[in-house]
C-alpha atoms as a PDB file:
ATOM      1  CA  UNK A   1      51.207  73.949 115.579  1.00  0.00           C
ATOM      2  CA  UNK A   2      52.209  77.572 115.355  1.00  0.00           C
ATOM      3  CA  UNK A   3      55.642  78.444 113.985  1.00  0.00           C
ATOM      4  CA  UNK A   4      57.502  79.933 116.736  1.00  0.00           C
ATOM      5  CA  UNK A   5      60.736  77.950 116.490  1.00  0.00           C
ATOM      6  CA  UNK A   6      59.248  75.291 118.576  1.00  0.00           C
ATOM      7  CA  UNK A   7      59.345  72.673 115.753  1.00  0.00           C
ATOM      8  CA  UNK A   8      63.052  73.172 115.280  1.00  0.00           C
ATOM      9  CA  UNK A   9      63.955  72.711 119.088  1.00  0.00           C
ATOM     10  CA  UNK A  10      61.735  69.510 119.122  1.00  0.00           C
ATOM     11  CA  UNK A  11      63.969  68.308 116.389  1.00  0.00           C
ATOM     12  CA  UNK A  12      67.368  69.238 118.158  1.00  0.00           C
ATOM     13  CA  UNK A  13      65.886  67.881 121.512  1.00  0.00           C
ATOM     14  CA  UNK A  14      65.508  64.493 119.537  1.00  0.00           C
ATOM     15  CA  UNK A  15      69.116  64.558 118.511  1.00  0.00           C
ATOM     16  CA  UNK A  16      70.095  65.441 122.254  1.00  0.00           C
ATOM     17  CA  UNK A  17      68.137  62.476 123.313  1.00  0.00           C
ATOM     18  CA  UNK A  18      70.220  60.217 121.123  1.00  0.00           C
ATOM     19  CA  UNK A  19      73.461  61.792 122.224  1.00  0.00           C
ATOM     20  CA  UNK A  20      72.826  61.204 125.838  1.00  0.00           C
ATOM     21  CA  UNK A  21      71.349  57.754 125.354  1.00  0.00           C
ATOM     22  CA  UNK A  22      74.942  56.792 123.713  1.00  0.00           C
ATOM     23  CA  UNK A  23      76.907  55.168 126.403  1.00  0.00           C
ATOM     24  CA  UNK A  24      80.268  55.432 124.912  1.00  0.00           C
ATOM     25  CA  UNK A  25      81.736  58.778 126.000  1.00  0.00           C
ATOM     26  CA  UNK A  26      84.440  58.628 123.496  1.00  0.00           C
ATOM     27  CA  UNK A  27      82.215  57.699 120.668  1.00  0.00           C
ATOM     28  CA  UNK A  28      79.786  60.803 121.401  1.00  0.00           C
ATOM     29  CA  UNK A  29      82.520  63.401 121.693  1.00  0.00           C
ATOM     30  CA  UNK A  30      85.432  64.479 119.739  1.00  0.00           C
ATOM     31  CA  UNK A  31      88.961  65.265 120.652  1.00  0.00           C
ATOM     32  CA  UNK A  32      88.501  68.883 121.594  1.00  0.00           C
ATOM     33  CA  UNK A  33      85.463  68.281 123.705  1.00  0.00           C
ATOM     34  CA  UNK A  34      87.484  65.794 125.522  1.00  0.00           C
ATOM     35  CA  UNK A  35      90.298  68.140 126.062  1.00  0.00           C
ATOM     36  CA  UNK A  36      87.683  70.675 127.432  1.00  0.00           C
ATOM     37  CA  UNK A  37      85.803  68.045 129.659  1.00  0.00           C
ATOM     38  CA  UNK A  38      89.212  66.971 131.155  1.00  0.00           C
ATOM     39  CA  UNK A  39      89.672  70.753 132.111  1.00  0.00           C
ATOM     40  CA  UNK A  40      86.265  71.297 133.411  1.00  0.00           C
ATOM     41  CA  UNK A  41      86.232  67.957 135.375  1.00  0.00           C
ATOM     42  CA  UNK A  42      89.733  68.095 136.233  1.00  0.00           C
ATOM     43  CA  UNK A  43      91.207  71.361 137.384  1.00  0.00           C
ATOM     44  CA  UNK A  44      88.122  73.308 137.719  1.00  0.00           C
ATOM     45  CA  UNK A  45      86.400  70.486 139.312  1.00  0.00           C
ATOM     46  CA  UNK A  46      89.068  70.007 141.744  1.00  0.00           C
ATOM     47  CA  UNK A  47      89.106  73.699 142.824  1.00  0.00           C
ATOM     48  CA  UNK A  48      85.231  73.932 143.265  1.00  0.00           C
ATOM     49  CA  UNK A  49      85.856  70.762 145.574  1.00  0.00           C
ATOM     50  CA  UNK A  50      88.781  72.105 147.433  1.00  0.00           C
ATOM     51  CA  UNK A  51      86.930  75.223 148.068  1.00  0.00           C
ATOM     52  CA  UNK A  52      83.193  73.866 148.435  1.00  0.00           C
ATOM     53  CA  UNK A  53      81.913  76.000 145.929  1.00  0.00           C
ATOM     54  CA  UNK A  54      79.266  73.304 144.722  1.00  0.00           C
ATOM     55  CA  UNK A  55      78.350  72.418 148.210  1.00  0.00           C
ATOM     56  CA  UNK A  56      77.602  76.253 148.768  1.00  0.00           C
ATOM     57  CA  UNK A  57      75.484  76.114 145.772  1.00  0.00           C
ATOM     58  CA  UNK A  58      73.359  72.816 146.934  1.00  0.00           C
ATOM     59  CA  UNK A  59      73.198  74.289 150.313  1.00  0.00           C
ATOM     60  CA  UNK A  60      71.646  77.622 148.900  1.00  0.00           C
ATOM     61  CA  UNK A  61      69.201  75.471 146.881  1.00  0.00           C
ATOM     62  CA  UNK A  62      67.795  73.811 149.847  1.00  0.00           C
ATOM     63  CA  UNK A  63      67.408  77.119 151.562  1.00  0.00           C
ATOM     64  CA  UNK A  64      65.135  78.414 148.335  1.00  0.00           C
ATOM     65  CA  UNK A  65      63.417  75.128 148.379  1.00  0.00           C
ATOM     66  CA  UNK A  66      62.356  75.678 151.898  1.00  0.00           C
ATOM     67  CA  UNK A  67      59.548  73.348 153.118  1.00  0.00           C
ATOM     68  CA  UNK A  68      58.428  71.195 150.110  1.00  0.00           C
ATOM     69  CA  UNK A  69      55.674  68.984 152.147  1.00  0.00           C
ATOM     70  CA  UNK A  70      53.006  70.844 150.389  1.00  0.00           C
ATOM     71  CA  UNK A  71      54.768  71.350 147.066  1.00  0.00           C
ATOM     72  CA  UNK A  72      54.488  69.875 143.498  1.00  0.00           C
ATOM     73  CA  UNK A  73      57.974  70.037 142.186  1.00  0.00           C
ATOM     74  CA  UNK A  74      59.278  69.423 138.673  1.00  0.00           C
ATOM     75  CA  UNK A  75      63.103  68.623 138.262  1.00  0.00           C
ATOM     76  CA  UNK A  76      63.810  69.403 134.819  1.00  0.00           C
ATOM     77  CA  UNK A  77      66.374  67.834 132.614  1.00  0.00           C
ATOM     78  CA  UNK A  78      67.595  65.921 135.560  1.00  0.00           C
ATOM     79  CA  UNK A  79      69.376  62.910 133.571  1.00  0.00           C
ATOM     80  CA  UNK A  80      70.076  60.332 135.987  1.00  0.00           C
ATOM     81  CA  UNK A  81      69.237  62.353 138.943  1.00  0.00           C
ATOM     82  CA  UNK A  82      71.286  65.557 140.213  1.00  0.00           C
ATOM     83  CA  UNK A  83      72.735  66.089 143.668  1.00  0.00           C
ATOM     84  CA  UNK A  84      69.042  66.902 144.888  1.00  0.00           C
ATOM     85  CA  UNK A  85      66.838  64.833 142.809  1.00  0.00           C
ATOM     86  CA  UNK A  86      66.335  62.326 145.582  1.00  0.00           C
ATOM     87  CA  UNK A  87      66.229  64.992 148.529  1.00  0.00           C
ATOM     88  CA  UNK A  88      63.490  66.679 146.628  1.00  0.00           C
ATOM     89  CA  UNK A  89      61.706  63.040 145.671  1.00  0.00           C
ATOM     90  CA  UNK A  90      61.632  62.201 149.432  1.00  0.00           C
ATOM     91  CA  UNK A  91      60.624  65.648 150.779  1.00  0.00           C
ATOM     92  CA  UNK A  92      58.041  67.028 148.068  1.00  0.00           C
ATOM     93  CA  UNK A  93      54.142  66.456 148.318  1.00  0.00           C
ATOM     94  CA  UNK A  94      54.887  65.394 144.379  1.00  0.00           C
ATOM     95  CA  UNK A  95      58.016  65.030 142.358  1.00  0.00           C
ATOM     96  CA  UNK A  96      58.324  64.697 138.638  1.00  0.00           C
ATOM     97  CA  UNK A  97      61.677  64.344 137.193  1.00  0.00           C
ATOM     98  CA  UNK A  98      62.065  64.408 133.428  1.00  0.00           C
ATOM     99  CA  UNK A  99      64.969  64.120 130.964  1.00  0.00           C
ATOM    100  CA  UNK A 100      64.946  63.472 127.350  1.00  0.00           C
ATOM    101  CA  UNK A 101      67.010  60.387 127.700  1.00  0.00           C
ATOM    102  CA  UNK A 102      64.876  57.133 128.491  1.00  0.00           C
ATOM    103  CA  UNK A 103      68.064  55.370 129.323  1.00  0.00           C
ATOM    104  CA  UNK A 104      68.884  57.829 132.134  1.00  0.00           C
ATOM    105  CA  UNK A 105      65.368  58.135 133.339  1.00  0.00           C
ATOM    106  CA  UNK A 106      65.139  54.318 133.924  1.00  0.00           C
ATOM    107  CA  UNK A 107      68.183  54.648 136.235  1.00  0.00           C
ATOM    108  CA  UNK A 108      66.487  57.421 138.183  1.00  0.00           C
ATOM    109  CA  UNK A 109      63.116  55.639 138.466  1.00  0.00           C
ATOM    110  CA  UNK A 110      64.910  52.799 140.007  1.00  0.00           C
ATOM    111  CA  UNK A 111      66.605  55.087 142.489  1.00  0.00           C
ATOM    112  CA  UNK A 112      63.288  56.412 143.419  1.00  0.00           C
ATOM    113  CA  UNK A 113      61.671  52.992 143.966  1.00  0.00           C
ATOM    114  CA  UNK A 114      64.884  52.094 145.805  1.00  0.00           C
ATOM    115  CA  UNK A 115      64.649  55.249 147.994  1.00  0.00           C
ATOM    116  CA  UNK A 116      60.746  54.470 148.711  1.00  0.00           C
ATOM    117  CA  UNK A 117      59.328  57.767 147.329  1.00  0.00           C
ATOM    118  CA  UNK A 118      55.694  56.738 146.609  1.00  0.00           C
ATOM    119  CA  UNK A 119      54.881  60.432 145.571  1.00  0.00           C
ATOM    120  CA  UNK A 120      57.758  60.386 143.127  1.00  0.00           C
ATOM    121  CA  UNK A 121      58.020  59.593 139.505  1.00  0.00           C
ATOM    122  CA  UNK A 122      60.550  59.721 136.739  1.00  0.00           C
ATOM    123  CA  UNK A 123      59.472  60.397 132.829  1.00  0.00           C
ATOM    124  CA  UNK A 124      61.395  60.126 129.896  1.00  0.00           C
ATOM    125  CA  UNK A 125      59.733  63.335 127.796  1.00  0.00           C
ATOM    126  CA  UNK A 126      60.490  66.723 126.015  1.00  0.00           C
ATOM    127  CA  UNK A 127      59.634  69.420 128.316  1.00  0.00           C
ATOM    128  CA  UNK A 128      58.386  71.551 125.159  1.00  0.00           C
ATOM    129  CA  UNK A 129      56.401  68.676 123.650  1.00  0.00           C
ATOM    130  CA  UNK A 130      52.456  68.416 124.017  1.00  0.00           C
ATOM    131  CA  UNK A 131      53.094  64.852 125.491  1.00  0.00           C
ATOM    132  CA  UNK A 132      54.428  66.594 128.692  1.00  0.00           C
ATOM    133  CA  UNK A 133      51.046  67.724 129.781  1.00  0.00           C
ATOM    134  CA  UNK A 134      51.581  68.089 133.646  1.00  0.00           C
ATOM    135  CA  UNK A 135      51.210  71.719 134.977  1.00  0.00           C
ATOM    136  CA  UNK A 136      50.864  73.888 137.901  1.00  0.00           C
ATOM    137  CA  UNK A 137      54.011  73.663 139.418  1.00  0.00           C
ATOM    138  CA  UNK A 138      55.172  74.979 142.674  1.00  0.00           C
ATOM    139  CA  UNK A 139      59.000  74.569 142.036  1.00  0.00           C
ATOM    140  CA  UNK A 140      60.481  74.438 138.695  1.00  0.00           C
ATOM    141  CA  UNK A 141      64.276  73.024 139.555  1.00  0.00           C
ATOM    142  CA  UNK A 142      66.461  73.405 136.630  1.00  0.00           C
ATOM    143  CA  UNK A 143      70.262  72.620 137.356  1.00  0.00           C
ATOM    144  CA  UNK A 144      72.420  73.009 134.218  1.00  0.00           C
ATOM    145  CA  UNK A 145      69.458  72.726 131.854  1.00  0.00           C
ATOM    146  CA  UNK A 146      68.040  76.356 130.834  1.00  0.00           C
ATOM    147  CA  UNK A 147      70.911  76.957 128.844  1.00  0.00           C
ATOM    148  CA  UNK A 148      70.184  74.115 126.620  1.00  0.00           C
ATOM    149  CA  UNK A 149      67.478  76.053 124.726  1.00  0.00           C
ATOM    150  CA  UNK A 150      68.815  78.406 122.054  1.00  0.00           C
ATOM    151  CA  UNK A 151      65.603  79.980 121.503  1.00  0.00           C
ATOM    152  CA  UNK A 152      65.051  81.511 124.819  1.00  0.00           C
ATOM    153  CA  UNK A 153      61.696  83.006 124.305  1.00  0.00           C
ATOM    154  CA  UNK A 154      60.024  79.744 123.429  1.00  0.00           C
ATOM    155  CA  UNK A 155      61.599  78.274 126.656  1.00  0.00           C
ATOM    156  CA  UNK A 156      60.094  81.583 128.931  1.00  0.00           C
ATOM    157  CA  UNK A 157      56.667  80.712 127.680  1.00  0.00           C
ATOM    158  CA  UNK A 158      56.844  77.238 128.480  1.00  0.00           C
ATOM    159  CA  UNK A 159      57.999  77.913 131.949  1.00  0.00           C
ATOM    160  CA  UNK A 160      55.477  80.211 132.855  1.00  0.00           C
ATOM    161  CA  UNK A 161      52.633  78.030 131.342  1.00  0.00           C
ATOM    162  CA  UNK A 162      53.957  75.154 133.456  1.00  0.00           C
ATOM    163  CA  UNK A 163      54.153  77.274 136.641  1.00  0.00           C
ATOM    164  CA  UNK A 164      51.431  77.911 139.285  1.00  0.00           C
ATOM    165  CA  UNK A 165      50.766  81.760 139.841  1.00  0.00           C
ATOM    166  CA  UNK A 166      53.056  82.183 142.760  1.00  0.00           C
ATOM    167  CA  UNK A 167      55.491  79.396 141.527  1.00  0.00           C
ATOM    168  CA  UNK A 168      59.159  79.750 141.452  1.00  0.00           C
ATOM    169  CA  UNK A 169      62.112  78.492 139.491  1.00  0.00           C
ATOM    170  CA  UNK A 170      65.493  77.349 140.938  1.00  0.00           C
ATOM    171  CA  UNK A 171      68.461  77.526 138.404  1.00  0.00           C
ATOM    172  CA  UNK A 172      71.950  76.967 137.708  1.00  0.00           C
ATOM    173  CA  UNK A 173      73.719  77.724 134.292  1.00  0.00           C
ATOM    174  CA  UNK A 174      77.079  78.597 132.646  1.00  0.00           C
ATOM    175  CA  UNK A 175      77.633  82.231 131.507  1.00  0.00           C
ATOM    176  CA  UNK A 176      79.602  83.546 128.406  1.00  0.00           C
ATOM    177  CA  UNK A 177      79.319  87.416 129.555  1.00  0.00           C
ATOM    178  CA  UNK A 178      83.107  87.848 130.541  1.00  0.00           C
ATOM    179  CA  UNK A 179      85.540  88.463 127.802  1.00  0.00           C
ATOM    180  CA  UNK A 180      87.931  85.690 128.945  1.00  0.00           C
ATOM    181  CA  UNK A 181      85.392  82.956 128.736  1.00  0.00           C
ATOM    182  CA  UNK A 182      83.625  84.205 125.767  1.00  0.00           C
ATOM    183  CA  UNK A 183      87.322  84.069 123.923  1.00  0.00           C
ATOM    184  CA  UNK A 184      87.701  80.228 125.338  1.00  0.00           C
ATOM    185  CA  UNK A 185      84.332  79.390 124.230  1.00  0.00           C
ATOM    186  CA  UNK A 186      84.444  80.836 120.828  1.00  0.00           C
ATOM    187  CA  UNK A 187      87.720  78.818 120.234  1.00  0.00           C
ATOM    188  CA  UNK A 188      86.328  75.669 121.431  1.00  0.00           C
ATOM    189  CA  UNK A 189      83.020  75.944 120.015  1.00  0.00           C
ATOM    190  CA  UNK A 190      83.529  75.049 116.147  1.00  0.00           C
ATOM    191  CA  UNK A 191      84.715  71.424 117.738  1.00  0.00           C
ATOM    192  CA  UNK A 192      82.287  71.279 120.446  1.00  0.00           C
ATOM    193  CA  UNK A 193      80.172  67.935 119.654  1.00  0.00           C
ATOM    194  CA  UNK A 194      76.871  69.128 121.654  1.00  0.00           C
ATOM    195  CA  UNK A 195      77.004  72.723 120.321  1.00  0.00           C
ATOM    196  CA  UNK A 196      73.613  72.296 119.010  1.00  0.00           C
ATOM    197  CA  UNK A 197      72.121  72.712 122.537  1.00  0.00           C
ATOM    198  CA  UNK A 198      74.665  74.416 124.656  1.00  0.00           C
ATOM    199  CA  UNK A 199      73.948  77.721 124.822  1.00  0.00           C
ATOM    200  CA  UNK A 200      75.887  79.467 128.028  1.00  0.00           C
ATOM    201  CA  UNK A 201      73.638  82.673 128.937  1.00  0.00           C
ATOM    202  CA  UNK A 202      74.705  85.976 127.125  1.00  0.00           C
ATOM    203  CA  UNK A 203      73.932  89.393 128.575  1.00  0.00           C
ATOM    204  CA  UNK A 204      70.549  89.433 126.452  1.00  0.00           C
ATOM    205  CA  UNK A 205      69.441  86.098 128.026  1.00  0.00           C
ATOM    206  CA  UNK A 206      70.132  87.695 131.421  1.00  0.00           C
ATOM    207  CA  UNK A 207      68.053  90.892 130.298  1.00  0.00           C
ATOM    208  CA  UNK A 208      65.070  88.275 129.406  1.00  0.00           C
ATOM    209  CA  UNK A 209      65.253  86.543 132.714  1.00  0.00           C
ATOM    210  CA  UNK A 210      64.859  89.593 134.523  1.00  0.00           C
ATOM    211  CA  UNK A 211      62.035  90.992 132.402  1.00  0.00           C
ATOM    212  CA  UNK A 212      60.037  87.822 132.588  1.00  0.00           C
ATOM    213  CA  UNK A 213      60.362  86.835 136.138  1.00  0.00           C
ATOM    214  CA  UNK A 214      60.698  88.439 139.626  1.00  0.00           C
ATOM    215  CA  UNK A 215      64.263  87.981 140.747  1.00  0.00           C
ATOM    216  CA  UNK A 216      64.401  86.759 144.357  1.00  0.00           C
ATOM    217  CA  UNK A 217      67.855  86.283 144.574  1.00  0.00           C
ATOM    218  CA  UNK A 218      71.013  85.670 142.601  1.00  0.00           C
ATOM    219  CA  UNK A 219      74.482  84.172 143.258  1.00  0.00           C
ATOM    220  CA  UNK A 220      77.584  84.330 141.167  1.00  0.00           C
ATOM    221  CA  UNK A 221      80.149  81.606 140.930  1.00  0.00           C
ATOM    222  CA  UNK A 222      83.538  81.727 139.662  1.00  0.00           C
ATOM    223  CA  UNK A 223      83.747  85.493 138.779  1.00  0.00           C
ATOM    224  CA  UNK A 224      86.764  86.987 140.535  1.00  0.00           C
ATOM    225  CA  UNK A 225      87.630  83.592 142.254  1.00  0.00           C
ATOM    226  CA  UNK A 226      88.258  82.041 138.569  1.00  0.00           C
ATOM    227  CA  UNK A 227      91.730  83.580 138.927  1.00  0.00           C
ATOM    228  CA  UNK A 228      92.313  82.232 142.398  1.00  0.00           C
ATOM    229  CA  UNK A 229      93.124  78.987 140.126  1.00  0.00           C
ATOM    230  CA  UNK A 230      96.417  80.800 139.084  1.00  0.00           C
ATOM    231  CA  UNK A 231      96.614  82.355 142.591  1.00  0.00           C
ATOM    232  CA  UNK A 232      96.948  78.648 143.852  1.00  0.00           C
ATOM    233  CA  UNK A 233     100.213  78.276 141.955  1.00  0.00           C
ATOM    234  CA  UNK A 234     102.022  81.286 143.485  1.00  0.00           C
ATOM    235  CA  UNK A 235     104.751  80.887 146.060  1.00  0.00           C
ATOM    236  CA  UNK A 236     102.547  82.081 149.095  1.00  0.00           C
ATOM    237  CA  UNK A 237     101.587  80.180 152.118  1.00  0.00           C
ATOM    238  CA  UNK A 238      98.480  77.998 151.939  1.00  0.00           C
ATOM    239  CA  UNK A 239      96.662  80.055 154.612  1.00  0.00           C
ATOM    240  CA  UNK A 240      97.374  83.399 152.827  1.00  0.00           C
ATOM    241  CA  UNK A 241      96.048  81.652 149.369  1.00  0.00           C
ATOM    242  CA  UNK A 242      93.046  80.482 150.966  1.00  0.00           C
ATOM    243  CA  UNK A 243      91.967  83.275 152.516  1.00  0.00           C
ATOM    244  CA  UNK A 244      92.261  85.610 149.422  1.00  0.00           C
ATOM    245  CA  UNK A 245      90.419  82.911 147.364  1.00  0.00           C
ATOM    246  CA  UNK A 246      87.744  82.652 149.948  1.00  0.00           C
ATOM    247  CA  UNK A 247      87.256  86.236 149.829  1.00  0.00           C
ATOM    248  CA  UNK A 248      86.909  86.405 146.218  1.00  0.00           C
ATOM    249  CA  UNK A 249      84.433  83.333 146.486  1.00  0.00           C
ATOM    250  CA  UNK A 250      82.374  85.315 148.744  1.00  0.00           C
ATOM    251  CA  UNK A 251      82.234  88.575 146.775  1.00  0.00           C
ATOM    252  CA  UNK A 252      81.144  86.713 143.530  1.00  0.00           C
ATOM    253  CA  UNK A 253      78.540  85.163 145.860  1.00  0.00           C
ATOM    254  CA  UNK A 254      77.104  88.663 146.849  1.00  0.00           C
ATOM    255  CA  UNK A 255      76.611  90.164 143.347  1.00  0.00           C
ATOM    256  CA  UNK A 256      73.606  92.341 143.373  1.00  0.00           C
ATOM    257  CA  UNK A 257      73.617  94.346 139.981  1.00  0.00           C
ATOM    258  CA  UNK A 258      73.303  92.616 136.524  1.00  0.00           C
ATOM    259  CA  UNK A 259      76.553  94.253 135.785  1.00  0.00           C
ATOM    260  CA  UNK A 260      78.125  92.428 138.605  1.00  0.00           C
ATOM    261  CA  UNK A 261      77.231  88.900 137.276  1.00  0.00           C
ATOM    262  CA  UNK A 262      78.897  89.305 134.113  1.00  0.00           C
ATOM    263  CA  UNK A 263      82.431  88.486 135.128  1.00  0.00           C
ATOM    264  CA  UNK A 264      81.321  85.286 136.519  1.00  0.00           C
ATOM    265  CA  UNK A 265      81.678  81.770 134.859  1.00  0.00           C
ATOM    266  CA  UNK A 266      78.018  80.518 136.270  1.00  0.00           C
ATOM    267  CA  UNK A 267      75.299  81.915 137.939  1.00  0.00           C
ATOM    268  CA  UNK A 268      72.562  80.329 140.300  1.00  0.00           C
ATOM    269  CA  UNK A 269      68.807  82.296 140.293  1.00  0.00           C
ATOM    270  CA  UNK A 270      65.996  82.335 142.485  1.00  0.00           C
ATOM    271  CA  UNK A 271      62.985  83.440 140.168  1.00  0.00           C
ATOM    272  CA  UNK A 272      59.336  83.957 140.561  1.00  0.00           C
ATOM    273  CA  UNK A 273      56.448  83.983 138.300  1.00  0.00           C
ATOM    274  CA  UNK A 274      55.154  87.783 137.441  1.00  0.00           C
END
């Protein structure tokens, strides 16, 4: 095998598999990780839910997916199934969901069988390994996955290899391109139990995506609108606060230039193979 960083990434993915196969969440994460998780899954999750931010993303993904009746779809790093896994499994010509964790994939396979999706299957396999031989995908759906690869050049080449000539990628990932978020992540990172495979997008990574793929569409999440969390505590009327926050959310959503992406905490992209 040519030494291009792939061997090291396969070893890291083995560690990642063991991490996600561990059922005891307290055992597999330290105190700082649990504190950050409580913020991310508490305050931020409540904020996203109150303003339907996640639903906005999923609705956009459905639009980008379009008619899947003649599409072969790879659901990359889907764990036990993301919000759209069964939707894709039911509507695609062929659906393959893959994840490193065999424990999680067993759960997804049961869901697929229960939903009676004969053209769908779930596999426990490393996307980068020779064991994953399937290719010619019309769509690669990667929700919260692409930032798990430190060596992004290796990932890009593998994505290109697996896509059909006119194939597309739908992605959703965290960013560390704004100074406040970069500072917070920098403080937290030394204590992060999953830091070996958590690499929120940098400006350099975004440049690589623009250089290697056609960017059909891009949407920013929690840019200006992340400050709406602070605004929500001000002594203003609920109507006034909601109106201001909704405006900020929409402005983040309508980003165009790469520079407009950088203030955001998350990014979803619709990419095509060049």
